[in-house]
């Protein structure tokens, strides 16, 4: 029976946290796997309902932004992927995918629902990326610079807010937010 429970936990863990699923199979068993989930926690455990709502909203918006940026790069790759610019766009898109993966993990860890507007971000992001790429390399890069500047301003605003509240309490969340800022 213990093996069946371990397998079920491993399957659940893999579905929600695929990047760390190998940790669940350690010789220490299920307890080691459950402990690795806590390693991804970025929000303090002792949140009141107002604080939880604000932080969940932050995570939801950040996730939506990372998703939208990924879709912009997908649209640009659809148009410019086979050109000399494709390699550069692919590198930026890979970085965006990494950010999105981390935010997916964080949303799952904290049971934060993604925005209901993801289907809109899917279409709008792809359309923005493809239409900017139709203008050529310069159009695609202008779009990318504008989006990344907006993202940087957004994350810097969040970082300032968290630093004013209690920087030690939000150290892990600040680290995740800081990773989303281009160039960091």
N, C-alpha and C. Protein backbone atom coordinates (compact mmCIF):
# COMPACT_ATOMS: atom_id res chain seq x y z
N UNK A 1 0.82 -1.19 0.00
CA UNK A 1 0.00 0.00 0.00
C UNK A 1 0.87 1.26 0.00
N UNK A 2 1.97 1.23 0.74
CA UNK A 2 2.85 2.39 0.80
C UNK A 2 3.36 2.76 -0.59
N UNK A 3 3.70 1.76 -1.40
CA UNK A 3 4.18 2.01 -2.77
C UNK A 3 3.10 2.65 -3.63
N UNK A 4 1.85 2.25 -3.45
CA UNK A 4 0.75 2.82 -4.23
C UNK A 4 0.55 4.29 -3.87
N UNK A 5 0.64 4.60 -2.58
CA UNK A 5 0.50 5.99 -2.15
C UNK A 5 1.64 6.82 -2.71
N UNK A 6 2.87 6.29 -2.66
CA UNK A 6 4.03 7.00 -3.19
C UNK A 6 3.84 7.26 -4.69
N UNK A 7 3.36 6.27 -5.42
CA UNK A 7 3.15 6.43 -6.86
C UNK A 7 2.11 7.50 -7.14
N UNK A 8 1.02 7.52 -6.36
CA UNK A 8 -0.03 8.50 -6.55
C UNK A 8 0.49 9.90 -6.26
N UNK A 9 1.24 10.05 -5.16
CA UNK A 9 1.82 11.35 -4.83
C UNK A 9 2.79 11.76 -5.93
N UNK A 10 3.59 10.82 -6.42
CA UNK A 10 4.56 11.13 -7.47
C UNK A 10 3.85 11.59 -8.73
N UNK A 11 2.77 10.92 -9.11
CA UNK A 11 2.03 11.32 -10.31
C UNK A 11 1.42 12.70 -10.14
N UNK A 12 0.84 12.95 -8.97
CA UNK A 12 0.25 14.25 -8.71
C UNK A 12 1.33 15.32 -8.72
N UNK A 13 2.43 15.03 -8.06
CA UNK A 13 3.53 15.98 -8.00
C UNK A 13 4.07 16.28 -9.40
N UNK A 14 4.23 15.24 -10.22
CA UNK A 14 4.76 15.42 -11.57
C UNK A 14 3.81 16.28 -12.41
N UNK A 15 2.51 16.09 -12.24
CA UNK A 15 1.54 16.84 -13.04
C UNK A 15 1.57 18.33 -12.68
N UNK A 16 1.80 18.64 -11.40
CA UNK A 16 1.78 20.03 -10.98
C UNK A 16 3.17 20.66 -11.00
N UNK A 17 4.20 19.86 -10.69
CA UNK A 17 5.55 20.37 -10.57
C UNK A 17 6.51 19.50 -11.38
N UNK A 18 6.40 19.47 -12.70
CA UNK A 18 7.18 18.53 -13.48
C UNK A 18 8.69 18.70 -13.34
N UNK A 19 9.17 19.90 -13.12
CA UNK A 19 10.62 20.09 -13.08
C UNK A 19 11.27 19.47 -11.86
N UNK A 20 10.51 19.24 -10.81
CA UNK A 20 11.13 18.71 -9.61
C UNK A 20 10.63 17.31 -9.27
N UNK A 21 9.95 16.67 -10.21
CA UNK A 21 9.34 15.38 -9.91
C UNK A 21 10.35 14.32 -9.55
N UNK A 22 11.58 14.40 -10.03
CA UNK A 22 12.55 13.36 -9.72
C UNK A 22 12.88 13.34 -8.24
N UNK A 23 12.69 14.43 -7.53
CA UNK A 23 12.98 14.48 -6.11
C UNK A 23 12.05 13.57 -5.31
N UNK A 24 10.86 13.34 -5.79
CA UNK A 24 9.90 12.53 -5.08
C UNK A 24 10.35 11.07 -4.96
N UNK A 25 11.22 10.63 -5.82
CA UNK A 25 11.64 9.24 -5.84
C UNK A 25 12.89 9.00 -5.00
N UNK A 26 13.28 9.95 -4.18
CA UNK A 26 14.48 9.77 -3.38
C UNK A 26 14.29 8.61 -2.41
N UNK A 27 15.37 8.14 -1.85
CA UNK A 27 15.32 7.00 -0.93
C UNK A 27 14.57 7.34 0.35
N UNK A 28 14.35 8.61 0.62
CA UNK A 28 13.63 9.00 1.82
C UNK A 28 12.12 8.90 1.63
N UNK A 29 11.67 8.62 0.43
CA UNK A 29 10.27 8.33 0.18
C UNK A 29 9.39 9.56 0.06
N UNK A 30 8.12 9.37 0.42
CA UNK A 30 7.11 10.40 0.24
C UNK A 30 7.43 11.66 1.02
N UNK A 31 7.94 11.52 2.22
CA UNK A 31 8.22 12.70 3.03
C UNK A 31 9.20 13.63 2.32
N UNK A 32 10.21 13.06 1.69
CA UNK A 32 11.18 13.89 0.96
C UNK A 32 10.50 14.63 -0.18
N UNK A 33 9.59 13.95 -0.86
CA UNK A 33 8.88 14.59 -1.96
C UNK A 33 7.98 15.71 -1.49
N UNK A 34 7.30 15.49 -0.37
CA UNK A 34 6.43 16.53 0.15
C UNK A 34 7.24 17.73 0.63
N UNK A 35 8.42 17.48 1.18
CA UNK A 35 9.26 18.58 1.60
C UNK A 35 9.74 19.40 0.42
N UNK A 36 9.97 18.77 -0.73
CA UNK A 36 10.46 19.55 -1.88
C UNK A 36 9.38 20.50 -2.38
N UNK A 37 8.11 20.23 -2.11
CA UNK A 37 7.06 21.17 -2.51
C UNK A 37 7.24 22.48 -1.76
N UNK A 38 7.57 22.39 -0.50
CA UNK A 38 7.75 23.59 0.31
C UNK A 38 8.91 24.43 -0.20
N UNK A 39 9.86 23.83 -0.85
CA UNK A 39 11.01 24.57 -1.36
C UNK A 39 10.58 25.61 -2.39
N UNK A 40 9.43 25.43 -3.01
CA UNK A 40 8.96 26.36 -4.02
C UNK A 40 8.09 27.47 -3.45
N UNK A 41 7.79 27.41 -2.16
CA UNK A 41 6.91 28.39 -1.56
C UNK A 41 7.54 29.78 -1.61
N UNK A 42 6.82 30.72 -2.17
CA UNK A 42 7.34 32.08 -2.24
C UNK A 42 6.52 33.04 -1.38
N UNK A 43 5.36 32.62 -0.91
CA UNK A 43 4.54 33.46 -0.07
C UNK A 43 4.65 32.99 1.38
N UNK A 44 4.70 33.93 2.32
CA UNK A 44 4.73 33.54 3.73
C UNK A 44 3.48 32.73 4.09
N UNK A 45 3.60 31.83 5.04
CA UNK A 45 2.49 30.96 5.42
C UNK A 45 1.41 31.70 6.21
N UNK A 46 1.77 32.72 6.94
CA UNK A 46 0.84 33.39 7.85
C UNK A 46 0.23 34.65 7.25
N UNK A 47 -0.47 34.51 6.13
CA UNK A 47 -1.09 35.66 5.47
C UNK A 47 -2.52 35.84 5.96
N UNK A 48 -2.92 37.09 6.20
CA UNK A 48 -4.34 37.33 6.47
C UNK A 48 -5.07 37.38 5.13
N UNK A 49 -6.37 37.41 5.14
CA UNK A 49 -7.15 37.30 3.89
C UNK A 49 -6.90 38.48 2.94
N UNK A 50 -6.74 39.68 3.46
CA UNK A 50 -6.48 40.84 2.59
C UNK A 50 -5.12 40.73 1.93
N UNK A 51 -4.12 40.37 2.72
CA UNK A 51 -2.76 40.23 2.20
C UNK A 51 -2.70 39.11 1.16
N UNK A 52 -3.39 38.02 1.45
CA UNK A 52 -3.44 36.89 0.52
C UNK A 52 -4.07 37.32 -0.80
N UNK A 53 -5.15 38.07 -0.74
CA UNK A 53 -5.83 38.52 -1.95
C UNK A 53 -4.92 39.42 -2.80
N UNK A 54 -4.20 40.32 -2.14
CA UNK A 54 -3.29 41.22 -2.86
C UNK A 54 -2.17 40.43 -3.53
N UNK A 55 -1.56 39.50 -2.78
CA UNK A 55 -0.44 38.73 -3.32
C UNK A 55 -0.91 37.77 -4.41
N UNK A 56 -2.08 37.18 -4.27
CA UNK A 56 -2.62 36.32 -5.32
C UNK A 56 -2.88 37.12 -6.58
N UNK A 57 -3.38 38.34 -6.41
CA UNK A 57 -3.61 39.21 -7.56
C UNK A 57 -2.30 39.53 -8.26
N UNK A 58 -1.26 39.82 -7.48
CA UNK A 58 0.06 40.09 -8.06
C UNK A 58 0.54 38.90 -8.89
N UNK A 59 0.45 37.72 -8.31
CA UNK A 59 0.92 36.51 -9.00
C UNK A 59 0.12 36.27 -10.27
N UNK A 60 -1.20 36.50 -10.20
CA UNK A 60 -2.06 36.28 -11.36
C UNK A 60 -1.69 37.23 -12.50
N UNK A 61 -1.45 38.49 -12.16
CA UNK A 61 -1.07 39.48 -13.17
C UNK A 61 0.31 39.16 -13.74
N UNK A 62 1.25 38.78 -12.87
CA UNK A 62 2.59 38.44 -13.34
C UNK A 62 2.55 37.24 -14.28
N UNK A 63 1.78 36.23 -13.92
CA UNK A 63 1.65 35.05 -14.77
C UNK A 63 1.05 35.43 -16.12
N UNK A 64 0.01 36.25 -16.10
CA UNK A 64 -0.63 36.68 -17.36
C UNK A 64 0.36 37.43 -18.24
N UNK A 65 1.20 38.25 -17.62
CA UNK A 65 2.20 38.99 -18.39
C UNK A 65 3.23 38.07 -19.01
N UNK A 66 3.70 37.10 -18.25
CA UNK A 66 4.68 36.14 -18.78
C UNK A 66 4.05 35.30 -19.90
N UNK A 67 2.78 34.93 -19.73
CA UNK A 67 2.09 34.17 -20.75
C UNK A 67 1.93 35.00 -22.03
N UNK A 68 1.50 36.25 -21.86
CA UNK A 68 1.34 37.13 -23.02
C UNK A 68 2.65 37.35 -23.76
N UNK A 69 3.74 37.55 -23.00
CA UNK A 69 5.05 37.75 -23.63
C UNK A 69 5.48 36.51 -24.40
N UNK A 70 5.21 35.35 -23.83
CA UNK A 70 5.56 34.11 -24.53
C UNK A 70 4.79 33.99 -25.84
N UNK A 71 3.53 34.39 -25.82
CA UNK A 71 2.70 34.33 -27.03
C UNK A 71 3.18 35.37 -28.07
N UNK A 72 3.68 36.51 -27.62
CA UNK A 72 4.23 37.50 -28.55
C UNK A 72 5.42 36.89 -29.29
N UNK A 73 6.31 36.24 -28.54
CA UNK A 73 7.47 35.61 -29.18
C UNK A 73 7.05 34.48 -30.11
N UNK A 74 5.99 33.76 -29.74
CA UNK A 74 5.49 32.70 -30.62
C UNK A 74 5.03 33.29 -31.95
N UNK A 75 4.34 34.43 -31.89
CA UNK A 75 3.90 35.10 -33.12
C UNK A 75 5.07 35.60 -33.94
N UNK A 76 6.07 36.14 -33.27
CA UNK A 76 7.25 36.61 -34.00
C UNK A 76 8.00 35.45 -34.65
N UNK A 77 8.08 34.33 -33.95
CA UNK A 77 8.76 33.17 -34.51
C UNK A 77 8.00 32.61 -35.71
N UNK A 78 6.66 32.70 -35.68
CA UNK A 78 5.87 32.21 -36.81
C UNK A 78 6.21 32.97 -38.09
N UNK A 79 6.57 34.23 -37.95
CA UNK A 79 6.88 35.06 -39.12
C UNK A 79 8.39 35.07 -39.41
N UNK A 80 9.21 35.23 -38.39
CA UNK A 80 10.64 35.43 -38.59
C UNK A 80 11.50 34.23 -38.18
N UNK A 81 10.88 33.14 -37.81
CA UNK A 81 11.62 31.99 -37.28
C UNK A 81 12.68 31.43 -38.20
N UNK A 82 12.47 31.49 -39.50
CA UNK A 82 13.43 30.92 -40.45
C UNK A 82 14.37 31.96 -41.04
N UNK A 83 14.36 33.15 -40.46
CA UNK A 83 15.27 34.20 -40.92
C UNK A 83 16.46 34.28 -39.96
N UNK A 84 17.38 35.15 -40.26
CA UNK A 84 18.55 35.33 -39.39
C UNK A 84 18.15 35.88 -38.02
N UNK A 85 17.03 36.53 -37.93
CA UNK A 85 16.53 37.07 -36.67
C UNK A 85 15.92 35.99 -35.79
N UNK A 86 15.53 34.89 -36.38
CA UNK A 86 14.87 33.81 -35.66
C UNK A 86 15.65 33.30 -34.46
N UNK A 87 16.96 33.20 -34.59
CA UNK A 87 17.79 32.69 -33.49
C UNK A 87 17.70 33.61 -32.27
N UNK A 88 17.75 34.91 -32.50
CA UNK A 88 17.68 35.88 -31.40
C UNK A 88 16.31 35.82 -30.73
N UNK A 89 15.26 35.77 -31.53
CA UNK A 89 13.91 35.70 -30.99
C UNK A 89 13.74 34.40 -30.21
N UNK A 90 14.27 33.30 -30.73
CA UNK A 90 14.16 32.02 -30.03
C UNK A 90 14.83 32.08 -28.66
N UNK A 91 16.00 32.71 -28.59
CA UNK A 91 16.69 32.85 -27.30
C UNK A 91 15.84 33.64 -26.30
N UNK A 92 15.24 34.74 -26.76
CA UNK A 92 14.39 35.55 -25.88
C UNK A 92 13.16 34.75 -25.47
N UNK A 93 12.59 34.00 -26.42
CA UNK A 93 11.41 33.21 -26.14
C UNK A 93 11.73 32.11 -25.13
N UNK A 94 12.89 31.48 -25.25
CA UNK A 94 13.28 30.44 -24.29
C UNK A 94 13.37 31.02 -22.88
N UNK A 95 13.89 32.23 -22.76
CA UNK A 95 13.97 32.88 -21.46
C UNK A 95 12.56 33.15 -20.93
N UNK A 96 11.67 33.60 -21.79
CA UNK A 96 10.28 33.84 -21.40
C UNK A 96 9.60 32.55 -20.96
N UNK A 97 9.87 31.46 -21.67
CA UNK A 97 9.29 30.17 -21.30
C UNK A 97 9.75 29.76 -19.91
N UNK A 98 11.00 30.05 -19.59
CA UNK A 98 11.54 29.73 -18.26
C UNK A 98 10.80 30.54 -17.19
N UNK A 99 10.57 31.82 -17.44
CA UNK A 99 9.83 32.66 -16.49
C UNK A 99 8.41 32.12 -16.33
N UNK A 100 7.77 31.79 -17.44
CA UNK A 100 6.40 31.29 -17.40
C UNK A 100 6.32 29.98 -16.62
N UNK A 101 7.29 29.11 -16.83
CA UNK A 101 7.32 27.83 -16.11
C UNK A 101 7.39 28.08 -14.61
N UNK A 102 8.23 29.00 -14.19
CA UNK A 102 8.36 29.31 -12.76
C UNK A 102 7.05 29.85 -12.21
N UNK A 103 6.40 30.75 -12.95
CA UNK A 103 5.13 31.29 -12.47
C UNK A 103 4.04 30.23 -12.46
N UNK A 104 4.06 29.29 -13.40
CA UNK A 104 3.12 28.17 -13.35
C UNK A 104 3.32 27.37 -12.07
N UNK A 105 4.57 27.13 -11.70
CA UNK A 105 4.87 26.40 -10.47
C UNK A 105 4.37 27.17 -9.25
N UNK A 106 4.61 28.47 -9.24
CA UNK A 106 4.20 29.30 -8.11
C UNK A 106 2.68 29.34 -7.99
N UNK A 107 1.98 29.48 -9.11
CA UNK A 107 0.51 29.48 -9.06
C UNK A 107 -0.01 28.17 -8.49
N UNK A 108 0.55 27.06 -8.94
CA UNK A 108 0.13 25.76 -8.43
C UNK A 108 0.42 25.60 -6.96
N UNK A 109 1.60 26.02 -6.55
CA UNK A 109 2.00 25.90 -5.15
C UNK A 109 1.04 26.65 -4.24
N UNK A 110 0.59 27.80 -4.66
CA UNK A 110 -0.23 28.65 -3.80
C UNK A 110 -1.71 28.62 -4.16
N UNK A 111 -2.05 27.71 -5.05
CA UNK A 111 -3.45 27.54 -5.45
C UNK A 111 -4.07 28.86 -5.92
N UNK A 112 -3.33 29.55 -6.76
CA UNK A 112 -3.80 30.79 -7.35
C UNK A 112 -4.32 30.46 -8.74
N UNK A 113 -5.54 30.86 -9.01
CA UNK A 113 -6.09 30.58 -10.34
C UNK A 113 -5.51 31.59 -11.33
N UNK A 114 -5.19 31.14 -12.53
CA UNK A 114 -4.73 32.09 -13.55
C UNK A 114 -5.89 33.00 -13.95
N UNK A 115 -5.58 34.07 -14.61
CA UNK A 115 -6.63 34.97 -15.07
C UNK A 115 -7.56 34.26 -16.04
N UNK A 116 -8.81 34.65 -16.02
CA UNK A 116 -9.78 34.09 -16.96
C UNK A 116 -9.54 34.62 -18.37
N UNK A 117 -8.67 35.60 -18.50
CA UNK A 117 -8.40 36.21 -19.80
C UNK A 117 -7.28 35.52 -20.58
N UNK A 118 -6.76 34.38 -20.10
CA UNK A 118 -5.68 33.71 -20.82
C UNK A 118 -6.02 33.41 -22.28
N UNK A 119 -7.24 33.00 -22.61
CA UNK A 119 -7.55 32.78 -24.04
C UNK A 119 -7.40 34.07 -24.86
N UNK A 120 -7.74 35.20 -24.28
CA UNK A 120 -7.55 36.48 -24.96
C UNK A 120 -6.07 36.79 -25.12
N UNK A 121 -5.28 36.58 -24.05
CA UNK A 121 -3.83 36.81 -24.12
C UNK A 121 -3.20 35.92 -25.17
N UNK A 122 -3.71 34.70 -25.30
CA UNK A 122 -3.20 33.76 -26.29
C UNK A 122 -3.31 34.36 -27.69
N UNK A 123 -4.50 34.78 -28.03
CA UNK A 123 -4.76 35.32 -29.38
C UNK A 123 -4.12 36.69 -29.56
N UNK A 124 -4.34 37.58 -28.60
CA UNK A 124 -3.82 38.95 -28.73
C UNK A 124 -2.29 38.97 -28.73
N UNK A 125 -1.67 38.17 -27.88
CA UNK A 125 -0.21 38.13 -27.82
C UNK A 125 0.38 37.62 -29.13
N UNK A 126 -0.19 36.52 -29.63
CA UNK A 126 0.30 35.96 -30.89
C UNK A 126 0.11 36.96 -32.03
N UNK A 127 -1.07 37.59 -32.07
CA UNK A 127 -1.35 38.57 -33.14
C UNK A 127 -0.41 39.77 -33.06
N UNK A 128 -0.15 40.25 -31.86
CA UNK A 128 0.78 41.37 -31.70
C UNK A 128 2.19 40.97 -32.16
N UNK A 129 2.63 39.78 -31.76
CA UNK A 129 3.95 39.32 -32.17
C UNK A 129 4.06 39.14 -33.67
N UNK A 130 3.07 38.50 -34.26
CA UNK A 130 3.11 38.25 -35.71
C UNK A 130 3.01 39.56 -36.49
N UNK A 131 2.12 40.45 -36.07
CA UNK A 131 1.97 41.71 -36.82
C UNK A 131 3.21 42.59 -36.69
N UNK A 132 3.84 42.58 -35.53
CA UNK A 132 5.07 43.37 -35.40
C UNK A 132 6.19 42.75 -36.23
N UNK A 133 6.22 41.44 -36.32
CA UNK A 133 7.24 40.76 -37.12
C UNK A 133 7.02 40.97 -38.61
N UNK A 134 5.78 41.17 -39.02
CA UNK A 134 5.51 41.45 -40.43
C UNK A 134 6.14 42.77 -40.87
N UNK A 135 6.44 43.63 -39.90
CA UNK A 135 7.13 44.89 -40.19
C UNK A 135 8.63 44.68 -40.34
N UNK A 136 9.09 43.46 -40.09
CA UNK A 136 10.51 43.14 -40.19
C UNK A 136 11.17 43.08 -38.83
N UNK A 137 12.46 42.87 -38.87
CA UNK A 137 13.25 42.75 -37.63
C UNK A 137 13.06 43.98 -36.74
N UNK A 138 13.10 45.16 -37.33
CA UNK A 138 12.98 46.39 -36.56
C UNK A 138 11.63 46.49 -35.86
N UNK A 139 10.58 46.11 -36.56
CA UNK A 139 9.23 46.13 -35.96
C UNK A 139 9.11 45.15 -34.81
N UNK A 140 9.65 43.95 -35.00
CA UNK A 140 9.62 42.94 -33.94
C UNK A 140 10.40 43.41 -32.72
N UNK A 141 11.58 43.97 -32.95
CA UNK A 141 12.41 44.41 -31.84
C UNK A 141 11.80 45.62 -31.14
N UNK A 142 11.16 46.51 -31.89
CA UNK A 142 10.49 47.67 -31.28
C UNK A 142 9.36 47.19 -30.36
N UNK A 143 8.61 46.21 -30.81
CA UNK A 143 7.55 45.63 -30.00
C UNK A 143 8.13 45.00 -28.74
N UNK A 144 9.20 44.24 -28.90
CA UNK A 144 9.84 43.57 -27.77
C UNK A 144 10.34 44.59 -26.75
N UNK A 145 11.00 45.64 -27.21
CA UNK A 145 11.52 46.66 -26.31
C UNK A 145 10.37 47.33 -25.55
N UNK A 146 9.30 47.67 -26.24
CA UNK A 146 8.16 48.32 -25.59
C UNK A 146 7.54 47.41 -24.54
N UNK A 147 7.36 46.14 -24.87
CA UNK A 147 6.77 45.19 -23.92
C UNK A 147 7.69 44.99 -22.73
N UNK A 148 8.98 44.80 -22.96
CA UNK A 148 9.92 44.56 -21.87
C UNK A 148 10.06 45.78 -20.96
N UNK A 149 10.00 46.98 -21.52
CA UNK A 149 10.04 48.18 -20.68
C UNK A 149 8.81 48.24 -19.78
N UNK A 150 7.65 47.90 -20.33
CA UNK A 150 6.42 47.88 -19.55
C UNK A 150 6.50 46.83 -18.44
N UNK A 151 7.02 45.67 -18.78
CA UNK A 151 7.17 44.60 -17.79
C UNK A 151 8.12 45.04 -16.69
N UNK A 152 9.24 45.66 -17.05
CA UNK A 152 10.21 46.12 -16.05
C UNK A 152 9.57 47.13 -15.10
N UNK A 153 8.82 48.08 -15.64
CA UNK A 153 8.14 49.06 -14.80
C UNK A 153 7.17 48.38 -13.85
N UNK A 154 6.42 47.41 -14.36
CA UNK A 154 5.44 46.69 -13.54
C UNK A 154 6.14 45.95 -12.41
N UNK A 155 7.16 45.17 -12.73
CA UNK A 155 7.87 44.41 -11.69
C UNK A 155 8.56 45.34 -10.69
N UNK A 156 9.16 46.42 -11.17
CA UNK A 156 9.80 47.36 -10.25
C UNK A 156 8.80 47.98 -9.29
N UNK A 157 7.59 48.25 -9.78
CA UNK A 157 6.53 48.77 -8.92
C UNK A 157 6.16 47.75 -7.85
N UNK A 158 6.04 46.50 -8.25
CA UNK A 158 5.73 45.44 -7.28
C UNK A 158 6.85 45.29 -6.26
N UNK A 159 8.07 45.32 -6.72
CA UNK A 159 9.22 45.18 -5.82
C UNK A 159 9.23 46.33 -4.80
N UNK A 160 8.98 47.54 -5.28
CA UNK A 160 8.92 48.68 -4.35
C UNK A 160 7.83 48.47 -3.30
N UNK A 161 6.65 48.01 -3.74
CA UNK A 161 5.54 47.78 -2.81
C UNK A 161 5.91 46.73 -1.77
N UNK A 162 6.50 45.63 -2.19
CA UNK A 162 6.89 44.58 -1.27
C UNK A 162 8.01 45.04 -0.33
N UNK A 163 8.94 45.81 -0.85
CA UNK A 163 10.04 46.32 -0.02
C UNK A 163 9.52 47.29 1.04
N UNK A 164 8.51 48.08 0.70
CA UNK A 164 7.93 49.00 1.67
C UNK A 164 7.19 48.25 2.76
N UNK A 165 6.55 47.13 2.39
CA UNK A 165 5.78 46.35 3.36
C UNK A 165 6.69 45.62 4.34
N UNK A 166 7.51 44.70 3.83
CA UNK A 166 8.39 43.91 4.70
C UNK A 166 9.33 43.08 3.83
N UNK A 167 10.50 43.61 3.47
CA UNK A 167 11.38 42.91 2.54
C UNK A 167 11.83 41.53 3.02
N UNK A 168 12.05 41.37 4.33
CA UNK A 168 12.50 40.06 4.82
C UNK A 168 11.40 39.02 4.69
N UNK A 169 10.18 39.43 4.90
CA UNK A 169 9.05 38.50 4.83
C UNK A 169 8.81 38.02 3.39
N UNK A 170 9.10 38.86 2.42
CA UNK A 170 8.82 38.55 1.03
C UNK A 170 10.06 38.26 0.21
N UNK A 171 11.13 37.84 0.85
CA UNK A 171 12.40 37.59 0.17
C UNK A 171 12.24 36.65 -1.02
N UNK A 172 11.55 35.52 -0.83
CA UNK A 172 11.41 34.54 -1.91
C UNK A 172 10.56 35.09 -3.05
N UNK A 173 9.48 35.79 -2.73
CA UNK A 173 8.64 36.39 -3.76
C UNK A 173 9.41 37.48 -4.50
N UNK A 174 10.19 38.26 -3.78
CA UNK A 174 11.01 39.29 -4.42
C UNK A 174 12.00 38.66 -5.40
N UNK A 175 12.56 37.51 -5.03
CA UNK A 175 13.50 36.83 -5.92
C UNK A 175 12.82 36.38 -7.21
N UNK A 176 11.63 35.80 -7.09
CA UNK A 176 10.89 35.35 -8.28
C UNK A 176 10.52 36.55 -9.14
N UNK A 177 10.04 37.61 -8.53
CA UNK A 177 9.66 38.81 -9.27
C UNK A 177 10.88 39.41 -9.97
N UNK A 178 12.00 39.47 -9.27
CA UNK A 178 13.23 40.03 -9.84
C UNK A 178 13.70 39.23 -11.05
N UNK A 179 13.49 37.92 -11.06
CA UNK A 179 13.89 37.08 -12.20
C UNK A 179 13.09 37.42 -13.44
N UNK A 180 11.87 37.93 -13.28
CA UNK A 180 11.05 38.27 -14.43
C UNK A 180 11.48 39.54 -15.14
N UNK A 181 12.32 40.33 -14.49
CA UNK A 181 12.76 41.59 -15.09
C UNK A 181 13.82 41.31 -16.14
N UNK A 182 13.60 41.79 -17.35
CA UNK A 182 14.58 41.55 -18.42
C UNK A 182 15.98 41.98 -18.03
N UNK A 183 16.94 41.14 -18.37
CA UNK A 183 18.33 41.45 -18.11
C UNK A 183 18.82 41.04 -16.74
N UNK A 184 17.94 40.47 -15.92
CA UNK A 184 18.37 40.05 -14.58
C UNK A 184 18.41 38.56 -14.49
